[in-house]
Amino acid sequence: MSFSAYDTEALRLLTTALAEALVTFRASKRTALTETETSDVTRKITANLMTAYDNGERAPAALARVALQGVAMAQPPSKTPRTPAVVRQSPESP
């Protein structure tokens, strides 16, 4: 992992974008995350955020949006059992 130095203004911007991304992520979840899940999500969002910033993005809303990309799909699937689909075949024509 490479490291970058951020000035005070950059840190304020990154902190604002991180807070916005975390609020958006939590609002999208129907259940509470465990401490481990919260830590993993925060780490992924932060890594995405820093990459976007290092690539030149400076708008807080855009940083937050980019930071969330791929994070929601990385969450474990719901523990709700899935009902298998019933496949019906049409009667064959003679």
N, C-alpha and C. Protein backbone atom coordinates (compact mmCIF):
# COMPACT_ATOMS: atom_id res chain seq x y z
N MET A 1 0.85 -1.18 0.00
CA MET A 1 0.00 0.00 0.00
C MET A 1 0.89 1.23 0.00
N SER A 2 0.60 2.16 -0.90
CA SER A 2 1.37 3.39 -0.93
C SER A 2 0.73 4.42 0.00
N PHE A 3 1.53 5.32 0.47
CA PHE A 3 1.04 6.33 1.40
C PHE A 3 1.21 7.70 0.79
N SER A 4 0.24 8.58 1.04
CA SER A 4 0.29 9.96 0.58
C SER A 4 0.21 10.87 1.78
N ALA A 5 0.76 12.06 1.62
CA ALA A 5 0.64 13.07 2.67
C ALA A 5 -0.50 14.00 2.30
N TYR A 6 -1.33 14.32 3.27
CA TYR A 6 -2.48 15.19 3.03
C TYR A 6 -2.37 16.42 3.91
N ASP A 7 -2.64 17.59 3.32
CA ASP A 7 -2.61 18.82 4.11
C ASP A 7 -3.92 18.96 4.87
N THR A 8 -4.01 20.00 5.67
CA THR A 8 -5.17 20.22 6.53
C THR A 8 -6.46 20.32 5.74
N GLU A 9 -6.44 21.04 4.64
CA GLU A 9 -7.65 21.19 3.81
C GLU A 9 -8.06 19.85 3.20
N ALA A 10 -7.10 19.07 2.77
CA ALA A 10 -7.40 17.75 2.20
C ALA A 10 -8.02 16.85 3.27
N LEU A 11 -7.48 16.89 4.47
CA LEU A 11 -8.03 16.07 5.56
C LEU A 11 -9.46 16.48 5.90
N ARG A 12 -9.74 17.78 5.89
CA ARG A 12 -11.12 18.22 6.13
C ARG A 12 -12.06 17.69 5.05
N LEU A 13 -11.63 17.79 3.81
CA LEU A 13 -12.43 17.32 2.69
C LEU A 13 -12.65 15.80 2.77
N LEU A 14 -11.60 15.06 3.05
CA LEU A 14 -11.70 13.60 3.16
C LEU A 14 -12.58 13.19 4.34
N THR A 15 -12.47 13.90 5.44
CA THR A 15 -13.29 13.60 6.62
C THR A 15 -14.76 13.85 6.32
N THR A 16 -15.06 14.95 5.65
CA THR A 16 -16.44 15.27 5.28
C THR A 16 -17.01 14.21 4.34
N ALA A 17 -16.23 13.84 3.34
CA ALA A 17 -16.68 12.83 2.37
C ALA A 17 -16.86 11.46 3.04
N LEU A 18 -15.96 11.11 3.94
CA LEU A 18 -16.07 9.84 4.66
C LEU A 18 -17.33 9.81 5.50
N ALA A 19 -17.60 10.88 6.23
CA ALA A 19 -18.80 10.94 7.07
C ALA A 19 -20.06 10.82 6.20
N GLU A 20 -20.09 11.51 5.07
CA GLU A 20 -21.24 11.44 4.16
C GLU A 20 -21.42 10.03 3.61
N ALA A 21 -20.32 9.40 3.22
CA ALA A 21 -20.39 8.03 2.67
C ALA A 21 -20.89 7.05 3.73
N LEU A 22 -20.41 7.17 4.95
CA LEU A 22 -20.84 6.27 6.02
C LEU A 22 -22.32 6.45 6.36
N VAL A 23 -22.79 7.69 6.39
CA VAL A 23 -24.21 7.95 6.65
C VAL A 23 -25.04 7.33 5.54
N THR A 24 -24.64 7.52 4.31
CA THR A 24 -25.37 6.96 3.16
C THR A 24 -25.38 5.44 3.22
N PHE A 25 -24.24 4.85 3.53
CA PHE A 25 -24.16 3.39 3.60
C PHE A 25 -25.06 2.84 4.70
N ARG A 26 -24.97 3.42 5.89
CA ARG A 26 -25.80 2.95 7.01
C ARG A 26 -27.28 3.10 6.72
N ALA A 27 -27.65 4.17 6.05
CA ALA A 27 -29.07 4.40 5.71
C ALA A 27 -29.57 3.37 4.71
N SER A 28 -28.68 2.81 3.91
CA SER A 28 -29.09 1.84 2.90
C SER A 28 -29.26 0.43 3.46
N LYS A 29 -28.75 0.18 4.64
CA LYS A 29 -28.83 -1.14 5.25
C LYS A 29 -30.08 -1.27 6.09
N ARG A 30 -30.71 -2.42 6.04
CA ARG A 30 -31.93 -2.65 6.81
C ARG A 30 -31.62 -3.22 8.20
N THR A 31 -30.43 -3.74 8.38
CA THR A 31 -30.05 -4.31 9.67
C THR A 31 -28.75 -3.65 10.14
N ALA A 32 -28.53 -3.72 11.42
CA ALA A 32 -27.30 -3.16 11.99
C ALA A 32 -26.11 -4.03 11.62
N LEU A 33 -24.98 -3.40 11.42
CA LEU A 33 -23.76 -4.13 11.13
C LEU A 33 -23.05 -4.51 12.43
N THR A 34 -22.34 -5.62 12.38
CA THR A 34 -21.53 -5.99 13.52
C THR A 34 -20.33 -5.05 13.57
N GLU A 35 -19.60 -5.09 14.66
CA GLU A 35 -18.41 -4.26 14.79
C GLU A 35 -17.39 -4.60 13.70
N THR A 36 -17.24 -5.88 13.41
CA THR A 36 -16.30 -6.31 12.38
C THR A 36 -16.74 -5.83 11.00
N GLU A 37 -18.04 -5.95 10.70
CA GLU A 37 -18.55 -5.48 9.41
C GLU A 37 -18.37 -3.98 9.28
N THR A 38 -18.64 -3.25 10.35
CA THR A 38 -18.48 -1.79 10.32
C THR A 38 -17.03 -1.43 10.05
N SER A 39 -16.11 -2.13 10.70
CA SER A 39 -14.69 -1.87 10.49
C SER A 39 -14.28 -2.17 9.05
N ASP A 40 -14.75 -3.30 8.51
CA ASP A 40 -14.42 -3.67 7.13
C ASP A 40 -14.96 -2.67 6.13
N VAL A 41 -16.21 -2.26 6.32
CA VAL A 41 -16.84 -1.29 5.42
C VAL A 41 -16.11 0.04 5.49
N THR A 42 -15.79 0.49 6.69
CA THR A 42 -15.08 1.76 6.86
C THR A 42 -13.72 1.71 6.17
N ARG A 43 -13.02 0.59 6.31
CA ARG A 43 -11.71 0.43 5.66
C ARG A 43 -11.84 0.49 4.14
N LYS A 44 -12.84 -0.19 3.58
CA LYS A 44 -13.03 -0.20 2.12
C LYS A 44 -13.42 1.18 1.60
N ILE A 45 -14.34 1.84 2.32
CA ILE A 45 -14.76 3.17 1.91
C ILE A 45 -13.58 4.14 1.97
N THR A 46 -12.79 4.05 3.03
CA THR A 46 -11.63 4.94 3.18
C THR A 46 -10.62 4.71 2.06
N ALA A 47 -10.34 3.46 1.73
CA ALA A 47 -9.40 3.16 0.65
C ALA A 47 -9.91 3.72 -0.68
N ASN A 48 -11.20 3.53 -0.97
CA ASN A 48 -11.78 4.06 -2.21
C ASN A 48 -11.73 5.58 -2.23
N LEU A 49 -12.01 6.17 -1.09
CA LEU A 49 -12.01 7.63 -0.96
C LEU A 49 -10.62 8.21 -1.23
N MET A 50 -9.62 7.62 -0.63
CA MET A 50 -8.26 8.12 -0.81
C MET A 50 -7.78 7.93 -2.25
N THR A 51 -8.17 6.83 -2.87
CA THR A 51 -7.81 6.60 -4.27
C THR A 51 -8.44 7.66 -5.16
N ALA A 52 -9.73 7.94 -4.94
CA ALA A 52 -10.42 8.96 -5.73
C ALA A 52 -9.78 10.33 -5.53
N TYR A 53 -9.44 10.65 -4.29
CA TYR A 53 -8.80 11.94 -4.01
C TYR A 53 -7.44 12.01 -4.70
N ASP A 54 -6.67 10.94 -4.59
CA ASP A 54 -5.34 10.91 -5.21
C ASP A 54 -5.43 10.99 -6.74
N ASN A 55 -6.56 10.58 -7.30
CA ASN A 55 -6.77 10.67 -8.74
C ASN A 55 -7.34 12.01 -9.18
N GLY A 56 -7.50 12.93 -8.22
CA GLY A 56 -7.89 14.30 -8.58
C GLY A 56 -9.30 14.73 -8.22
N GLU A 57 -10.12 13.84 -7.69
CA GLU A 57 -11.49 14.23 -7.33
C GLU A 57 -11.46 15.10 -6.08
N ARG A 58 -12.20 16.22 -6.12
CA ARG A 58 -12.20 17.13 -4.97
C ARG A 58 -13.60 17.49 -4.48
N ALA A 59 -14.64 17.15 -5.20
CA ALA A 59 -16.00 17.46 -4.78
C ALA A 59 -16.44 16.46 -3.71
N PRO A 60 -16.84 16.94 -2.51
CA PRO A 60 -17.18 16.02 -1.42
C PRO A 60 -18.25 14.99 -1.78
N ALA A 61 -19.32 15.43 -2.46
CA ALA A 61 -20.40 14.48 -2.82
C ALA A 61 -19.90 13.43 -3.81
N ALA A 62 -19.09 13.86 -4.76
CA ALA A 62 -18.53 12.91 -5.73
C ALA A 62 -17.56 11.95 -5.05
N LEU A 63 -16.76 12.45 -4.13
CA LEU A 63 -15.85 11.58 -3.38
C LEU A 63 -16.63 10.52 -2.61
N ALA A 64 -17.69 10.95 -1.94
CA ALA A 64 -18.52 10.01 -1.17
C ALA A 64 -19.15 8.96 -2.08
N ARG A 65 -19.64 9.40 -3.22
CA ARG A 65 -20.28 8.48 -4.17
C ARG A 65 -19.28 7.45 -4.69
N VAL A 66 -18.10 7.92 -5.08
CA VAL A 66 -17.06 7.01 -5.58
C VAL A 66 -16.59 6.07 -4.47
N ALA A 67 -16.51 6.58 -3.26
CA ALA A 67 -16.05 5.76 -2.13
C ALA A 67 -16.98 4.58 -1.87
N LEU A 68 -18.25 4.74 -2.18
CA LEU A 68 -19.23 3.68 -1.94
C LEU A 68 -19.28 2.63 -3.05
N GLN A 69 -18.67 2.92 -4.18
CA GLN A 69 -18.74 1.98 -5.30
C GLN A 69 -18.12 0.64 -4.93
N GLY A 70 -18.88 -0.41 -5.12
CA GLY A 70 -18.40 -1.76 -4.85
C GLY A 70 -18.51 -2.18 -3.40
N VAL A 71 -18.79 -1.27 -2.50
CA VAL A 71 -18.84 -1.62 -1.08
C VAL A 71 -20.11 -2.38 -0.75
N ALA A 72 -21.25 -1.93 -1.24
CA ALA A 72 -22.52 -2.58 -0.92
C ALA A 72 -22.54 -4.02 -1.42
N MET A 73 -21.95 -4.26 -2.58
CA MET A 73 -21.95 -5.61 -3.14
C MET A 73 -20.99 -6.52 -2.38
N ALA A 74 -20.08 -5.94 -1.64
CA ALA A 74 -19.10 -6.74 -0.91
C ALA A 74 -19.66 -7.28 0.40
N GLN A 75 -20.86 -6.85 0.77
CA GLN A 75 -21.44 -7.30 2.03
C GLN A 75 -21.95 -8.73 1.90
N PRO A 76 -21.94 -9.49 2.98
CA PRO A 76 -22.44 -10.86 2.92
C PRO A 76 -23.92 -10.88 2.58
N PRO A 77 -24.36 -11.92 1.90
CA PRO A 77 -25.78 -11.99 1.54
C PRO A 77 -26.66 -12.10 2.77
N SER A 78 -27.91 -11.75 2.58
CA SER A 78 -28.89 -11.81 3.65
C SER A 78 -29.03 -13.25 4.14
N LYS A 79 -29.34 -13.41 5.41
CA LYS A 79 -29.52 -14.74 5.97
C LYS A 79 -30.95 -15.24 5.78
N THR A 80 -31.75 -14.48 5.04
CA THR A 80 -33.12 -14.89 4.77
C THR A 80 -33.08 -16.05 3.78
N PRO A 81 -33.71 -17.16 4.12
CA PRO A 81 -33.68 -18.30 3.19
C PRO A 81 -34.41 -17.96 1.91
N ARG A 82 -33.82 -18.40 0.81
CA ARG A 82 -34.43 -18.16 -0.49
C ARG A 82 -35.29 -19.35 -0.87
N THR A 83 -36.43 -19.07 -1.43
CA THR A 83 -37.31 -20.12 -1.91
C THR A 83 -36.94 -20.43 -3.35
N PRO A 84 -36.70 -21.70 -3.66
CA PRO A 84 -36.33 -22.02 -5.03
C PRO A 84 -37.48 -21.70 -5.98
N ALA A 85 -37.13 -21.24 -7.15
CA ALA A 85 -38.14 -20.90 -8.15
C ALA A 85 -38.74 -22.18 -8.72
N VAL A 86 -40.00 -22.13 -9.00
CA VAL A 86 -40.68 -23.27 -9.62
C VAL A 86 -40.68 -23.03 -11.12
N VAL A 87 -40.15 -23.98 -11.85
CA VAL A 87 -40.12 -23.87 -13.30
C VAL A 87 -41.23 -24.72 -13.86
N ARG A 88 -42.07 -24.07 -14.62
CA ARG A 88 -43.18 -24.80 -15.23
C ARG A 88 -42.90 -24.91 -16.72
N GLN A 89 -43.09 -26.11 -17.21
CA GLN A 89 -42.90 -26.31 -18.63
C GLN A 89 -44.25 -26.30 -19.32
N SER A 90 -44.27 -25.70 -20.47
CA SER A 90 -45.52 -25.69 -21.22
C SER A 90 -45.70 -27.04 -21.90
N PRO A 91 -46.94 -27.47 -22.06
CA PRO A 91 -47.16 -28.75 -22.71
C PRO A 91 -46.64 -28.71 -24.13
N GLU A 92 -46.05 -29.79 -24.53
CA GLU A 92 -45.51 -29.86 -25.88
C GLU A 92 -46.62 -30.04 -26.89
N SER A 93 -46.47 -29.39 -28.02
CA SER A 93 -47.45 -29.53 -29.09
C SER A 93 -47.15 -30.79 -29.88
N PRO A 94 -48.20 -31.51 -30.32
CA PRO A 94 -47.95 -32.73 -31.11
C PRO A 94 -47.47 -32.43 -32.49
